[in-house]
Amino acid sequence: MQEKQIEKMLNKLRILMGDLTKVERDVILKRFALLDGKKYSLEEIGKTHGVTKERIRQIFVAAMKKMNDLYDDLTSS
């Protein structure tokens, strides 16, 4: 992939993640290995935040919905 394409994708991702809470952002970055190249399990993320893996799953789903809704709003204009 060309450097310009990667930068463009990263900018779009930053926009989509802009409305997320710190925890939601952390969950997304870790689940998709965007933080340090390692894909974290729900359990691993839960331990760092002091919650269960089920709660992390719920946070992940909510964050993805926020991002999808924002994407829909941006692309429907």
C-alpha atoms as a PDB file:
ATOM      1  CA  MET A   1       0.000   0.000   0.000  1.00  0.00           C
ATOM      2  CA  GLN A   2       1.290   3.445  -0.792  1.00  0.00           C
ATOM      3  CA  GLU A   3       2.288   5.780   2.000  1.00  0.00           C
ATOM      4  CA  LYS A   4      -0.351   8.347   0.972  1.00  0.00           C
ATOM      5  CA  GLN A   5      -3.098   5.713   1.107  1.00  0.00           C
ATOM      6  CA  ILE A   6      -1.999   4.584   4.556  1.00  0.00           C
ATOM      7  CA  GLU A   7      -1.901   8.162   5.833  1.00  0.00           C
ATOM      8  CA  LYS A   8      -5.370   8.795   4.372  1.00  0.00           C
ATOM      9  CA  MET A   9      -6.753   5.685   6.095  1.00  0.00           C
ATOM     10  CA  LEU A  10      -5.150   6.671   9.407  1.00  0.00           C
ATOM     11  CA  ASN A  11      -6.677  10.139   9.179  1.00  0.00           C
ATOM     12  CA  LYS A  12     -10.119   8.629   8.582  1.00  0.00           C
ATOM     13  CA  LEU A  13      -9.615   6.319  11.547  1.00  0.00           C
ATOM     14  CA  ARG A  14      -8.618   9.263  13.763  1.00  0.00           C
ATOM     15  CA  ILE A  15     -11.818  11.065  12.762  1.00  0.00           C
ATOM     16  CA  LEU A  16     -13.961   8.009  13.460  1.00  0.00           C
ATOM     17  CA  MET A  17     -12.305   7.483  16.844  1.00  0.00           C
ATOM     18  CA  GLY A  18     -12.591  11.146  17.805  1.00  0.00           C
ATOM     19  CA  ASP A  19     -15.854  10.776  19.726  1.00  0.00           C
ATOM     20  CA  LEU A  20     -14.824   7.652  21.618  1.00  0.00           C
ATOM     21  CA  THR A  21     -13.991   7.673  25.308  1.00  0.00           C
ATOM     22  CA  LYS A  22     -10.444   6.839  26.383  1.00  0.00           C
ATOM     23  CA  VAL A  23     -11.517   3.323  27.348  1.00  0.00           C
ATOM     24  CA  GLU A  24     -13.383   2.754  24.073  1.00  0.00           C
ATOM     25  CA  ARG A  25     -10.380   4.019  22.113  1.00  0.00           C
ATOM     26  CA  ASP A  26      -8.027   1.754  24.073  1.00  0.00           C
ATOM     27  CA  VAL A  27     -10.253  -1.272  23.474  1.00  0.00           C
ATOM     28  CA  ILE A  28     -10.416  -0.628  19.705  1.00  0.00           C
ATOM     29  CA  LEU A  29      -6.682  -0.013  19.408  1.00  0.00           C
ATOM     30  CA  LYS A  30      -5.813  -3.168  21.346  1.00  0.00           C
ATOM     31  CA  ARG A  31      -8.385  -5.450  19.704  1.00  0.00           C
ATOM     32  CA  PHE A  32      -7.206  -4.491  16.211  1.00  0.00           C
ATOM     33  CA  ALA A  33      -3.471  -4.506  17.142  1.00  0.00           C
ATOM     34  CA  LEU A  34      -3.148  -0.802  16.323  1.00  0.00           C
ATOM     35  CA  LEU A  35      -1.429   0.139  19.560  1.00  0.00           C
ATOM     36  CA  ASP A  36       1.737  -1.945  19.518  1.00  0.00           C
ATOM     37  CA  GLY A  37       1.146  -4.589  16.855  1.00  0.00           C
ATOM     38  CA  LYS A  38      -0.236  -7.119  19.349  1.00  0.00           C
ATOM     39  CA  LYS A  39      -3.880  -8.184  19.233  1.00  0.00           C
ATOM     40  CA  TYR A  40      -5.095  -8.300  22.827  1.00  0.00           C
ATOM     41  CA  SER A  41      -7.798 -10.644  24.087  1.00  0.00           C
ATOM     42  CA  LEU A  42     -10.907  -9.320  25.784  1.00  0.00           C
ATOM     43  CA  GLU A  43      -9.615 -10.805  29.022  1.00  0.00           C
ATOM     44  CA  GLU A  44      -6.234  -9.053  28.734  1.00  0.00           C
ATOM     45  CA  ILE A  45      -7.895  -5.704  28.077  1.00  0.00           C
ATOM     46  CA  GLY A  46     -10.332  -6.302  30.929  1.00  0.00           C
ATOM     47  CA  LYS A  47      -7.487  -6.889  33.369  1.00  0.00           C
ATOM     48  CA  THR A  48      -5.880  -3.553  32.480  1.00  0.00           C
ATOM     49  CA  HIS A  49      -9.182  -1.761  33.117  1.00  0.00           C
ATOM     50  CA  GLY A  50     -10.291  -3.817  36.114  1.00  0.00           C
ATOM     51  CA  VAL A  51     -13.431  -5.193  34.445  1.00  0.00           C
ATOM     52  CA  THR A  52     -14.597  -8.506  33.026  1.00  0.00           C
ATOM     53  CA  LYS A  53     -14.063  -9.631  29.460  1.00  0.00           C
ATOM     54  CA  GLU A  54     -17.839  -9.412  28.991  1.00  0.00           C
ATOM     55  CA  ARG A  55     -17.770  -5.732  29.929  1.00  0.00           C
ATOM     56  CA  ILE A  56     -14.933  -5.158  27.463  1.00  0.00           C
ATOM     57  CA  ARG A  57     -16.981  -6.929  24.783  1.00  0.00           C
ATOM     58  CA  GLN A  58     -19.880  -4.581  25.521  1.00  0.00           C
ATOM     59  CA  ILE A  59     -17.578  -1.551  25.335  1.00  0.00           C
ATOM     60  CA  PHE A  60     -16.139  -2.846  22.041  1.00  0.00           C
ATOM     61  CA  VAL A  61     -19.611  -3.274  20.526  1.00  0.00           C
ATOM     62  CA  ALA A  62     -20.671   0.207  21.659  1.00  0.00           C
ATOM     63  CA  ALA A  63     -17.482   1.766  20.265  1.00  0.00           C
ATOM     64  CA  MET A  64     -17.908   0.027  16.912  1.00  0.00           C
ATOM     65  CA  LYS A  65     -21.513   1.252  16.745  1.00  0.00           C
ATOM     66  CA  LYS A  66     -20.412   4.831  17.432  1.00  0.00           C
ATOM     67  CA  MET A  67     -17.792   4.582  14.707  1.00  0.00           C
ATOM     68  CA  ASN A  68     -20.212   3.001  12.229  1.00  0.00           C
ATOM     69  CA  ASP A  69     -22.844   5.644  12.936  1.00  0.00           C
ATOM     70  CA  LEU A  70     -20.330   8.443  12.429  1.00  0.00           C
ATOM     71  CA  TYR A  71     -19.107   6.820   9.218  1.00  0.00           C
ATOM     72  CA  ASP A  72     -22.680   6.612   7.950  1.00  0.00           C
ATOM     73  CA  ASP A  73     -23.250  10.278   8.801  1.00  0.00           C
ATOM     74  CA  LEU A  74     -20.048  11.353   7.058  1.00  0.00           C
ATOM     75  CA  THR A  75     -20.663   9.326   3.915  1.00  0.00           C
ATOM     76  CA  SER A  76     -24.357  10.159   3.535  1.00  0.00           C
ATOM     77  CA  SER A  77     -23.679  13.882   3.108  1.00  0.00           C
END
